[in-house]
């Protein structure tokens, strides 16, 4: 397995550049930043993990700006959105942001996308929660057209534009890997239909993973696709658990790093690096 790190980047936590430099020094393969544009004060949607919503959800940096800082501070570390809430973003401007960071990073960007869980948040962006999954697919398809065609157009139910010119194009061809988040049957279908990888939700239980990953690969084979890589965020930092993730078919294990100052985070990174080294 490859090993990565994920954090809610905020002004109060270790900053993107020093975090990225230390992650690269310790040999981690990737660094992932989350996204929430805001949290509605009157939110009624329950937090998927249960309990109170952690404070860092209200304070997240823009992921593309923060990941650019991380990429500029490193040479080899892959940087990714885990996940980008594409149903809350314009596809034309997001396509440009993705292509730009892929260029500036030397082709090191990974594009994790999802439809989100906070219904009030997406509604504030003018998105109907009931159609968010079909909207996500159209926006991803539209971005692919922009990345791969000199004169791109797209005509769907939610996204509709005549031929446009938009540069830069991504350095990775045909585009950076797209990883779809979620753990429902629909998420598996979306991963097979238009993605390059699957990111199970962090709430997915370890005992459920082997069956879900097997189901994903069966659906991929039925669609004539090769095996779809799996990236699992928020893995348990335990040797026994990491062995079970690998046996289940996880290709990239991502450790959740606390959204905390460097004095807290850096020793934890050393601990995680020692854990990975101990696996041989």
C-alpha atoms as a PDB file:
ATOM      1  CA  UNK A   1       0.000   0.000   0.000  1.00  0.00           C
ATOM      2  CA  UNK A   2       0.891   3.618  -0.454  1.00  0.00           C
ATOM      3  CA  UNK A   3       0.516   5.895   2.569  1.00  0.00           C
ATOM      4  CA  UNK A   4      -0.834   9.419   2.697  1.00  0.00           C
ATOM      5  CA  UNK A   5      -1.966  12.065   5.154  1.00  0.00           C
ATOM      6  CA  UNK A   6      -5.198  14.045   5.353  1.00  0.00           C
ATOM      7  CA  UNK A   7      -5.993  17.170   7.346  1.00  0.00           C
ATOM      8  CA  UNK A   8      -8.550  19.923   7.711  1.00  0.00           C
ATOM      9  CA  UNK A   9      -6.241  22.853   6.862  1.00  0.00           C
ATOM     10  CA  UNK A  10      -7.052  25.948   8.927  1.00  0.00           C
ATOM     11  CA  UNK A  11      -5.363  29.126  10.102  1.00  0.00           C
ATOM     12  CA  UNK A  12      -5.067  27.616  13.573  1.00  0.00           C
ATOM     13  CA  UNK A  13      -3.405  24.359  12.453  1.00  0.00           C
ATOM     14  CA  UNK A  14       0.048  23.534  11.101  1.00  0.00           C
ATOM     15  CA  UNK A  15       0.324  25.370   7.807  1.00  0.00           C
ATOM     16  CA  UNK A  16       0.274  23.635   4.397  1.00  0.00           C
ATOM     17  CA  UNK A  17       3.892  24.264   3.397  1.00  0.00           C
ATOM     18  CA  UNK A  18       5.651  22.990   6.546  1.00  0.00           C
ATOM     19  CA  UNK A  19       3.211  20.080   6.783  1.00  0.00           C
ATOM     20  CA  UNK A  20       3.920  19.110   3.188  1.00  0.00           C
ATOM     21  CA  UNK A  21       7.688  19.406   3.604  1.00  0.00           C
ATOM     22  CA  UNK A  22       7.655  17.189   6.675  1.00  0.00           C
ATOM     23  CA  UNK A  23       5.360  14.662   5.004  1.00  0.00           C
ATOM     24  CA  UNK A  24       7.751  14.392   2.070  1.00  0.00           C
ATOM     25  CA  UNK A  25      10.788  14.115   4.339  1.00  0.00           C
ATOM     26  CA  UNK A  26       9.133  11.225   6.186  1.00  0.00           C
ATOM     27  CA  UNK A  27       8.374   9.387   2.956  1.00  0.00           C
ATOM     28  CA  UNK A  28       4.607   9.772   2.709  1.00  0.00           C
ATOM     29  CA  UNK A  29       3.254   9.509  -0.814  1.00  0.00           C
ATOM     30  CA  UNK A  30       0.420  12.054  -0.703  1.00  0.00           C
ATOM     31  CA  UNK A  31      -1.242  14.873   1.227  1.00  0.00           C
ATOM     32  CA  UNK A  32      -5.001  15.475   1.082  1.00  0.00           C
ATOM     33  CA  UNK A  33      -7.022  18.527   2.071  1.00  0.00           C
ATOM     34  CA  UNK A  34     -10.732  18.556   2.795  1.00  0.00           C
ATOM     35  CA  UNK A  35     -13.320  21.123   1.681  1.00  0.00           C
ATOM     36  CA  UNK A  36     -16.280  22.954   3.147  1.00  0.00           C
ATOM     37  CA  UNK A  37     -16.949  26.463   1.870  1.00  0.00           C
ATOM     38  CA  UNK A  38     -18.935  27.286   5.016  1.00  0.00           C
ATOM     39  CA  UNK A  39     -21.209  25.727   7.611  1.00  0.00           C
ATOM     40  CA  UNK A  40     -24.754  27.128   7.858  1.00  0.00           C
ATOM     41  CA  UNK A  41     -25.520  28.235  11.409  1.00  0.00           C
ATOM     42  CA  UNK A  42     -29.023  26.803  11.119  1.00  0.00           C
ATOM     43  CA  UNK A  43     -27.838  23.402   9.895  1.00  0.00           C
ATOM     44  CA  UNK A  44     -30.313  20.564  10.377  1.00  0.00           C
ATOM     45  CA  UNK A  45     -28.399  17.845   8.483  1.00  0.00           C
ATOM     46  CA  UNK A  46     -26.856  15.456  11.040  1.00  0.00           C
ATOM     47  CA  UNK A  47     -23.093  15.032  11.111  1.00  0.00           C
ATOM     48  CA  UNK A  48     -22.361  11.635   9.458  1.00  0.00           C
ATOM     49  CA  UNK A  49     -19.884  10.617  12.153  1.00  0.00           C
ATOM     50  CA  UNK A  50     -22.371  11.444  14.903  1.00  0.00           C
ATOM     51  CA  UNK A  51     -22.137  13.912  17.757  1.00  0.00           C
ATOM     52  CA  UNK A  52     -21.229  17.565  17.460  1.00  0.00           C
ATOM     53  CA  UNK A  53     -19.613  18.941  14.324  1.00  0.00           C
ATOM     54  CA  UNK A  54     -15.901  19.581  15.012  1.00  0.00           C
ATOM     55  CA  UNK A  55     -14.904  23.237  14.940  1.00  0.00           C
ATOM     56  CA  UNK A  56     -12.422  22.804  12.077  1.00  0.00           C
ATOM     57  CA  UNK A  57     -15.289  22.210   9.641  1.00  0.00           C
ATOM     58  CA  UNK A  58     -16.094  25.916   9.927  1.00  0.00           C
ATOM     59  CA  UNK A  59     -12.534  27.054   9.363  1.00  0.00           C
ATOM     60  CA  UNK A  60     -11.148  25.194   6.340  1.00  0.00           C
ATOM     61  CA  UNK A  61      -8.901  26.974   3.847  1.00  0.00           C
ATOM     62  CA  UNK A  62      -9.779  26.863   0.174  1.00  0.00           C
ATOM     63  CA  UNK A  63      -8.255  23.511  -0.828  1.00  0.00           C
ATOM     64  CA  UNK A  64      -6.797  24.609  -4.158  1.00  0.00           C
ATOM     65  CA  UNK A  65      -4.970  27.591  -2.673  1.00  0.00           C
ATOM     66  CA  UNK A  66      -3.715  25.545   0.287  1.00  0.00           C
ATOM     67  CA  UNK A  67      -2.625  22.629  -1.913  1.00  0.00           C
ATOM     68  CA  UNK A  68      -0.725  25.008  -4.184  1.00  0.00           C
ATOM     69  CA  UNK A  69       1.278  26.135  -1.160  1.00  0.00           C
ATOM     70  CA  UNK A  70       1.922  22.490  -0.280  1.00  0.00           C
ATOM     71  CA  UNK A  71       2.974  21.621  -3.822  1.00  0.00           C
ATOM     72  CA  UNK A  72       5.313  24.622  -4.041  1.00  0.00           C
ATOM     73  CA  UNK A  73       7.103  23.478  -0.882  1.00  0.00           C
ATOM     74  CA  UNK A  74       7.778  19.945  -2.159  1.00  0.00           C
ATOM     75  CA  UNK A  75       9.197  18.050  -5.125  1.00  0.00           C
ATOM     76  CA  UNK A  76       7.647  14.577  -5.055  1.00  0.00           C
ATOM     77  CA  UNK A  77       4.637  14.654  -2.742  1.00  0.00           C
ATOM     78  CA  UNK A  78       1.285  14.150  -4.447  1.00  0.00           C
ATOM     79  CA  UNK A  79      -1.390  16.641  -3.393  1.00  0.00           C
ATOM     80  CA  UNK A  80      -5.116  15.994  -3.536  1.00  0.00           C
ATOM     81  CA  UNK A  81      -8.599  17.071  -2.593  1.00  0.00           C
ATOM     82  CA  UNK A  82     -10.209  14.664  -0.210  1.00  0.00           C
ATOM     83  CA  UNK A  83     -12.805  15.619  -1.231  1.00  0.00           C
ATOM     84  CA  UNK A  84     -13.727  18.583  -3.422  1.00  0.00           C
ATOM     85  CA  UNK A  85     -17.447  19.358  -3.196  1.00  0.00           C
ATOM     86  CA  UNK A  86     -17.945  19.717  -6.915  1.00  0.00           C
ATOM     87  CA  UNK A  87     -21.716  20.203  -6.578  1.00  0.00           C
ATOM     88  CA  UNK A  88     -20.895  23.539  -4.916  1.00  0.00           C
ATOM     89  CA  UNK A  89     -18.459  24.702  -7.607  1.00  0.00           C
ATOM     90  CA  UNK A  90     -18.763  26.050 -11.126  1.00  0.00           C
ATOM     91  CA  UNK A  91     -17.287  23.419 -13.468  1.00  0.00           C
ATOM     92  CA  UNK A  92     -15.585  25.877 -15.824  1.00  0.00           C
ATOM     93  CA  UNK A  93     -13.694  27.737 -13.093  1.00  0.00           C
ATOM     94  CA  UNK A  94     -12.957  24.490 -11.237  1.00  0.00           C
ATOM     95  CA  UNK A  95     -11.565  22.914 -14.406  1.00  0.00           C
ATOM     96  CA  UNK A  96      -9.155  25.843 -14.654  1.00  0.00           C
ATOM     97  CA  UNK A  97      -8.165  25.541 -10.973  1.00  0.00           C
ATOM     98  CA  UNK A  98      -7.473  21.814 -11.359  1.00  0.00           C
ATOM     99  CA  UNK A  99      -5.453  22.293 -14.548  1.00  0.00           C
ATOM    100  CA  UNK A 100      -3.498  25.161 -12.992  1.00  0.00           C
ATOM    101  CA  UNK A 101      -2.475  23.303  -9.846  1.00  0.00           C
ATOM    102  CA  UNK A 102      -1.614  20.214 -11.902  1.00  0.00           C
ATOM    103  CA  UNK A 103       0.681  22.351 -14.063  1.00  0.00           C
ATOM    104  CA  UNK A 104       2.256  24.230 -11.168  1.00  0.00           C
ATOM    105  CA  UNK A 105       2.871  21.014  -9.226  1.00  0.00           C
ATOM    106  CA  UNK A 106       4.508  19.232 -12.154  1.00  0.00           C
ATOM    107  CA  UNK A 107       1.627  16.792 -12.549  1.00  0.00           C
ATOM    108  CA  UNK A 108       1.215  15.830  -8.888  1.00  0.00           C
ATOM    109  CA  UNK A 109      -2.479  16.556  -8.365  1.00  0.00           C
ATOM    110  CA  UNK A 110      -5.148  14.001  -7.391  1.00  0.00           C
ATOM    111  CA  UNK A 111      -8.771  15.093  -7.765  1.00  0.00           C
ATOM    112  CA  UNK A 112     -11.038  13.553  -5.141  1.00  0.00           C
ATOM    113  CA  UNK A 113     -14.656  14.603  -5.663  1.00  0.00           C
ATOM    114  CA  UNK A 114     -17.950  14.074  -3.907  1.00  0.00           C
ATOM    115  CA  UNK A 115     -21.498  15.338  -3.624  1.00  0.00           C
ATOM    116  CA  UNK A 116     -21.319  16.140   0.075  1.00  0.00           C
ATOM    117  CA  UNK A 117     -23.598  15.497   3.041  1.00  0.00           C
ATOM    118  CA  UNK A 118     -24.515  18.966   4.339  1.00  0.00           C
ATOM    119  CA  UNK A 119     -27.810  19.717   2.585  1.00  0.00           C
ATOM    120  CA  UNK A 120     -28.050  23.309   3.823  1.00  0.00           C
ATOM    121  CA  UNK A 121     -24.494  24.049   2.674  1.00  0.00           C
ATOM    122  CA  UNK A 122     -25.142  22.904  -0.886  1.00  0.00           C
ATOM    123  CA  UNK A 123     -28.527  24.649  -0.965  1.00  0.00           C
ATOM    124  CA  UNK A 124     -26.759  27.934  -0.178  1.00  0.00           C
ATOM    125  CA  UNK A 125     -24.865  27.434  -3.434  1.00  0.00           C
ATOM    126  CA  UNK A 126     -28.111  27.018  -5.359  1.00  0.00           C
ATOM    127  CA  UNK A 127     -27.786  23.225  -5.575  1.00  0.00           C
ATOM    128  CA  UNK A 128     -30.870  21.074  -5.141  1.00  0.00           C
ATOM    129  CA  UNK A 129     -29.772  18.243  -2.821  1.00  0.00           C
ATOM    130  CA  UNK A 130     -32.169  15.892  -4.590  1.00  0.00           C
ATOM    131  CA  UNK A 131     -30.255  16.142  -7.865  1.00  0.00           C
ATOM    132  CA  UNK A 132     -26.718  16.484  -6.521  1.00  0.00           C
ATOM    133  CA  UNK A 133     -25.480  13.130  -7.807  1.00  0.00           C
ATOM    134  CA  UNK A 134     -26.546  13.682 -11.407  1.00  0.00           C
ATOM    135  CA  UNK A 135     -25.166  17.231 -11.126  1.00  0.00           C
ATOM    136  CA  UNK A 136     -21.814  15.892  -9.918  1.00  0.00           C
ATOM    137  CA  UNK A 137     -21.565  13.517 -12.847  1.00  0.00           C
ATOM    138  CA  UNK A 138     -22.344  16.226 -15.394  1.00  0.00           C
ATOM    139  CA  UNK A 139     -19.860  18.646 -13.867  1.00  0.00           C
ATOM    140  CA  UNK A 140     -17.110  16.015 -13.915  1.00  0.00           C
ATOM    141  CA  UNK A 141     -17.929  15.108 -17.524  1.00  0.00           C
ATOM    142  CA  UNK A 142     -17.930  18.789 -18.485  1.00  0.00           C
ATOM    143  CA  UNK A 143     -14.523  19.308 -16.864  1.00  0.00           C
ATOM    144  CA  UNK A 144     -13.135  16.317 -18.736  1.00  0.00           C
ATOM    145  CA  UNK A 145     -14.288  17.933 -21.965  1.00  0.00           C
ATOM    146  CA  UNK A 146     -12.568  21.192 -21.031  1.00  0.00           C
ATOM    147  CA  UNK A 147      -9.329  19.414 -20.129  1.00  0.00           C
ATOM    148  CA  UNK A 148      -9.148  17.325 -23.288  1.00  0.00           C
ATOM    149  CA  UNK A 149     -10.572  19.466 -26.100  1.00  0.00           C
ATOM    150  CA  UNK A 150      -9.290  22.708 -27.584  1.00  0.00           C
ATOM    151  CA  UNK A 151     -12.879  23.745 -28.220  1.00  0.00           C
ATOM    152  CA  UNK A 152     -14.922  22.129 -25.466  1.00  0.00           C
ATOM    153  CA  UNK A 153     -18.686  21.950 -25.227  1.00  0.00           C
ATOM    154  CA  UNK A 154     -21.147  20.107 -23.018  1.00  0.00           C
ATOM    155  CA  UNK A 155     -24.902  19.764 -23.142  1.00  0.00           C
ATOM    156  CA  UNK A 156     -26.589  18.130 -20.170  1.00  0.00           C
ATOM    157  CA  UNK A 157     -29.558  18.619 -17.940  1.00  0.00           C
ATOM    158  CA  UNK A 158     -27.630  20.673 -15.379  1.00  0.00           C
ATOM    159  CA  UNK A 159     -24.526  21.823 -17.285  1.00  0.00           C
ATOM    160  CA  UNK A 160     -24.854  23.357 -20.706  1.00  0.00           C
ATOM    161  CA  UNK A 161     -22.372  25.396 -22.724  1.00  0.00           C
ATOM    162  CA  UNK A 162     -21.423  25.795 -26.371  1.00  0.00           C
ATOM    163  CA  UNK A 163     -17.768  25.531 -27.502  1.00  0.00           C
ATOM    164  CA  UNK A 164     -15.300  27.409 -25.314  1.00  0.00           C
ATOM    165  CA  UNK A 165     -11.550  28.000 -25.193  1.00  0.00           C
ATOM    166  CA  UNK A 166      -9.976  27.333 -21.818  1.00  0.00           C
ATOM    167  CA  UNK A 167      -6.319  26.863 -20.947  1.00  0.00           C
ATOM    168  CA  UNK A 168      -4.124  25.642 -19.328  1.00  0.00           C
ATOM    169  CA  UNK A 169      -4.723  21.980 -19.924  1.00  0.00           C
ATOM    170  CA  UNK A 170      -3.566  19.610 -17.168  1.00  0.00           C
ATOM    171  CA  UNK A 171      -0.041  18.248 -17.359  1.00  0.00           C
ATOM    172  CA  UNK A 172      -1.311  14.728 -16.590  1.00  0.00           C
ATOM    173  CA  UNK A 173      -3.007  13.170 -19.583  1.00  0.00           C
ATOM    174  CA  UNK A 174      -5.804  12.958 -20.243  1.00  0.00           C
ATOM    175  CA  UNK A 175      -6.346  14.642 -16.854  1.00  0.00           C
ATOM    176  CA  UNK A 176      -5.473  14.172 -13.167  1.00  0.00           C
ATOM    177  CA  UNK A 177      -6.916  11.000 -11.634  1.00  0.00           C
ATOM    178  CA  UNK A 178     -10.509  11.483 -10.493  1.00  0.00           C
ATOM    179  CA  UNK A 179     -11.473   9.645  -7.313  1.00  0.00           C
ATOM    180  CA  UNK A 180     -15.138   9.461  -6.322  1.00  0.00           C
ATOM    181  CA  UNK A 181     -16.046   9.509  -2.651  1.00  0.00           C
ATOM    182  CA  UNK A 182     -18.915   7.709  -0.938  1.00  0.00           C
ATOM    183  CA  UNK A 183     -19.872   4.240   0.255  1.00  0.00           C
ATOM    184  CA  UNK A 184     -23.304   3.606  -1.273  1.00  0.00           C
ATOM    185  CA  UNK A 185     -24.106   1.398  -4.246  1.00  0.00           C
ATOM    186  CA  UNK A 186     -24.542   4.627  -6.190  1.00  0.00           C
ATOM    187  CA  UNK A 187     -21.006   5.682  -5.272  1.00  0.00           C
ATOM    188  CA  UNK A 188     -19.662   2.408  -6.652  1.00  0.00           C
ATOM    189  CA  UNK A 189     -21.608   2.944  -9.852  1.00  0.00           C
ATOM    190  CA  UNK A 190     -20.234   6.476 -10.171  1.00  0.00           C
ATOM    191  CA  UNK A 191     -16.678   5.265  -9.620  1.00  0.00           C
ATOM    192  CA  UNK A 192     -17.115   2.741 -12.429  1.00  0.00           C
ATOM    193  CA  UNK A 193     -18.910   5.157 -14.734  1.00  0.00           C
ATOM    194  CA  UNK A 194     -16.632   8.193 -14.718  1.00  0.00           C
ATOM    195  CA  UNK A 195     -13.790   7.938 -12.186  1.00  0.00           C
ATOM    196  CA  UNK A 196     -10.255   6.593 -11.939  1.00  0.00           C
ATOM    197  CA  UNK A 197     -10.523   5.516  -8.312  1.00  0.00           C
ATOM    198  CA  UNK A 198     -12.831   5.090  -5.343  1.00  0.00           C
ATOM    199  CA  UNK A 199     -12.579   6.775  -1.943  1.00  0.00           C
ATOM    200  CA  UNK A 200     -14.864   5.056   0.594  1.00  0.00           C
ATOM    201  CA  UNK A 201     -16.320   7.432   3.164  1.00  0.00           C
ATOM    202  CA  UNK A 202     -14.240   7.640   6.357  1.00  0.00           C
ATOM    203  CA  UNK A 203     -17.255   6.297   8.256  1.00  0.00           C
ATOM    204  CA  UNK A 204     -17.048   2.991   6.359  1.00  0.00           C
ATOM    205  CA  UNK A 205     -16.290   0.215   8.828  1.00  0.00           C
ATOM    206  CA  UNK A 206     -13.204  -1.915   8.312  1.00  0.00           C
ATOM    207  CA  UNK A 207     -15.236  -5.116   8.421  1.00  0.00           C
ATOM    208  CA  UNK A 208     -17.369  -3.840   5.518  1.00  0.00           C
ATOM    209  CA  UNK A 209     -14.469  -2.952   3.227  1.00  0.00           C
ATOM    210  CA  UNK A 210     -13.599  -6.367   1.733  1.00  0.00           C
ATOM    211  CA  UNK A 211     -17.149  -6.909   0.520  1.00  0.00           C
ATOM    212  CA  UNK A 212     -17.542  -3.364  -0.808  1.00  0.00           C
ATOM    213  CA  UNK A 213     -14.226  -3.472  -2.646  1.00  0.00           C
ATOM    214  CA  UNK A 214     -15.062  -6.869  -4.128  1.00  0.00           C
ATOM    215  CA  UNK A 215     -18.394  -5.483  -5.285  1.00  0.00           C
ATOM    216  CA  UNK A 216     -16.643  -2.494  -6.867  1.00  0.00           C
ATOM    217  CA  UNK A 217     -14.272  -4.700  -8.830  1.00  0.00           C
ATOM    218  CA  UNK A 218     -17.112  -6.981  -9.959  1.00  0.00           C
ATOM    219  CA  UNK A 219     -18.980  -3.953 -11.293  1.00  0.00           C
ATOM    220  CA  UNK A 220     -15.817  -2.703 -12.986  1.00  0.00           C
ATOM    221  CA  UNK A 221     -15.256  -6.065 -14.680  1.00  0.00           C
ATOM    222  CA  UNK A 222     -18.871  -6.194 -15.837  1.00  0.00           C
ATOM    223  CA  UNK A 223     -18.390  -2.759 -17.397  1.00  0.00           C
ATOM    224  CA  UNK A 224     -15.246  -3.889 -19.203  1.00  0.00           C
ATOM    225  CA  UNK A 225     -12.930  -1.891 -16.967  1.00  0.00           C
ATOM    226  CA  UNK A 226      -9.660  -2.849 -15.329  1.00  0.00           C
ATOM    227  CA  UNK A 227      -9.355  -2.972 -11.562  1.00  0.00           C
ATOM    228  CA  UNK A 228     -10.233   0.368  -9.918  1.00  0.00           C
ATOM    229  CA  UNK A 229      -7.753   1.592  -7.272  1.00  0.00           C
ATOM    230  CA  UNK A 230      -9.077   2.263  -3.773  1.00  0.00           C
ATOM    231  CA  UNK A 231      -7.964   5.092  -1.484  1.00  0.00           C
ATOM    232  CA  UNK A 232      -9.245   4.913   2.086  1.00  0.00           C
ATOM    233  CA  UNK A 233      -9.004   7.987   4.289  1.00  0.00           C
ATOM    234  CA  UNK A 234      -8.915   7.972   8.078  1.00  0.00           C
ATOM    235  CA  UNK A 235      -7.406   4.491   8.422  1.00  0.00           C
ATOM    236  CA  UNK A 236      -6.767   3.207  11.908  1.00  0.00           C
ATOM    237  CA  UNK A 237      -3.119   3.823  12.832  1.00  0.00           C
ATOM    238  CA  UNK A 238      -2.624   0.253  13.998  1.00  0.00           C
ATOM    239  CA  UNK A 239      -0.401  -2.458  12.506  1.00  0.00           C
ATOM    240  CA  UNK A 240      -3.110  -5.114  12.596  1.00  0.00           C
ATOM    241  CA  UNK A 241      -5.666  -2.816  10.999  1.00  0.00           C
ATOM    242  CA  UNK A 242      -3.271  -1.755   8.239  1.00  0.00           C
ATOM    243  CA  UNK A 243      -2.721  -5.395   7.361  1.00  0.00           C
ATOM    244  CA  UNK A 244      -6.469  -5.873   7.080  1.00  0.00           C
ATOM    245  CA  UNK A 245      -6.797  -2.817   4.824  1.00  0.00           C
ATOM    246  CA  UNK A 246      -4.164  -4.245   2.498  1.00  0.00           C
ATOM    247  CA  UNK A 247      -5.821  -7.655   2.484  1.00  0.00           C
ATOM    248  CA  UNK A 248      -9.170  -6.028   1.694  1.00  0.00           C
ATOM    249  CA  UNK A 249      -7.737  -4.444  -1.442  1.00  0.00           C
ATOM    250  CA  UNK A 250      -6.965  -0.902  -0.307  1.00  0.00           C
ATOM    251  CA  UNK A 251      -4.242   0.585  -2.518  1.00  0.00           C
ATOM    252  CA  UNK A 252      -3.632   3.817  -0.587  1.00  0.00           C
ATOM    253  CA  UNK A 253      -4.098   4.185   3.170  1.00  0.00           C
ATOM    254  CA  UNK A 254      -4.518   7.772   4.346  1.00  0.00           C
ATOM    255  CA  UNK A 255      -4.008   8.727   7.991  1.00  0.00           C
ATOM    256  CA  UNK A 256      -6.138  11.527   9.443  1.00  0.00           C
ATOM    257  CA  UNK A 257      -3.929  14.183  11.019  1.00  0.00           C
ATOM    258  CA  UNK A 258      -5.430  16.399  13.749  1.00  0.00           C
ATOM    259  CA  UNK A 259      -6.172  19.973  12.778  1.00  0.00           C
ATOM    260  CA  UNK A 260      -3.754  21.283  15.375  1.00  0.00           C
ATOM    261  CA  UNK A 261      -0.564  23.361  15.680  1.00  0.00           C
ATOM    262  CA  UNK A 262       2.805  22.039  14.537  1.00  0.00           C
ATOM    263  CA  UNK A 263       3.838  21.198  18.100  1.00  0.00           C
ATOM    264  CA  UNK A 264       1.048  18.618  18.192  1.00  0.00           C
ATOM    265  CA  UNK A 265       1.134  17.419  14.596  1.00  0.00           C
ATOM    266  CA  UNK A 266       4.853  16.915  14.029  1.00  0.00           C
ATOM    267  CA  UNK A 267       5.357  14.280  16.770  1.00  0.00           C
ATOM    268  CA  UNK A 268       2.280  12.467  15.474  1.00  0.00           C
ATOM    269  CA  UNK A 269       3.746  12.425  11.960  1.00  0.00           C
ATOM    270  CA  UNK A 270       6.927  10.889  13.382  1.00  0.00           C
ATOM    271  CA  UNK A 271       4.801   8.242  15.097  1.00  0.00           C
ATOM    272  CA  UNK A 272       2.945   7.422  11.873  1.00  0.00           C
ATOM    273  CA  UNK A 273       6.191   7.231   9.914  1.00  0.00           C
ATOM    274  CA  UNK A 274       7.573   4.801  12.489  1.00  0.00           C
ATOM    275  CA  UNK A 275       4.420   2.726  12.232  1.00  0.00           C
ATOM    276  CA  UNK A 276       4.724   2.502   8.450  1.00  0.00           C
ATOM    277  CA  UNK A 277       8.448   1.703   8.671  1.00  0.00           C
ATOM    278  CA  UNK A 278       7.651  -1.111  11.053  1.00  0.00           C
ATOM    279  CA  UNK A 279       5.479  -2.768   8.441  1.00  0.00           C
ATOM    280  CA  UNK A 280       8.562  -3.445   6.358  1.00  0.00           C
END
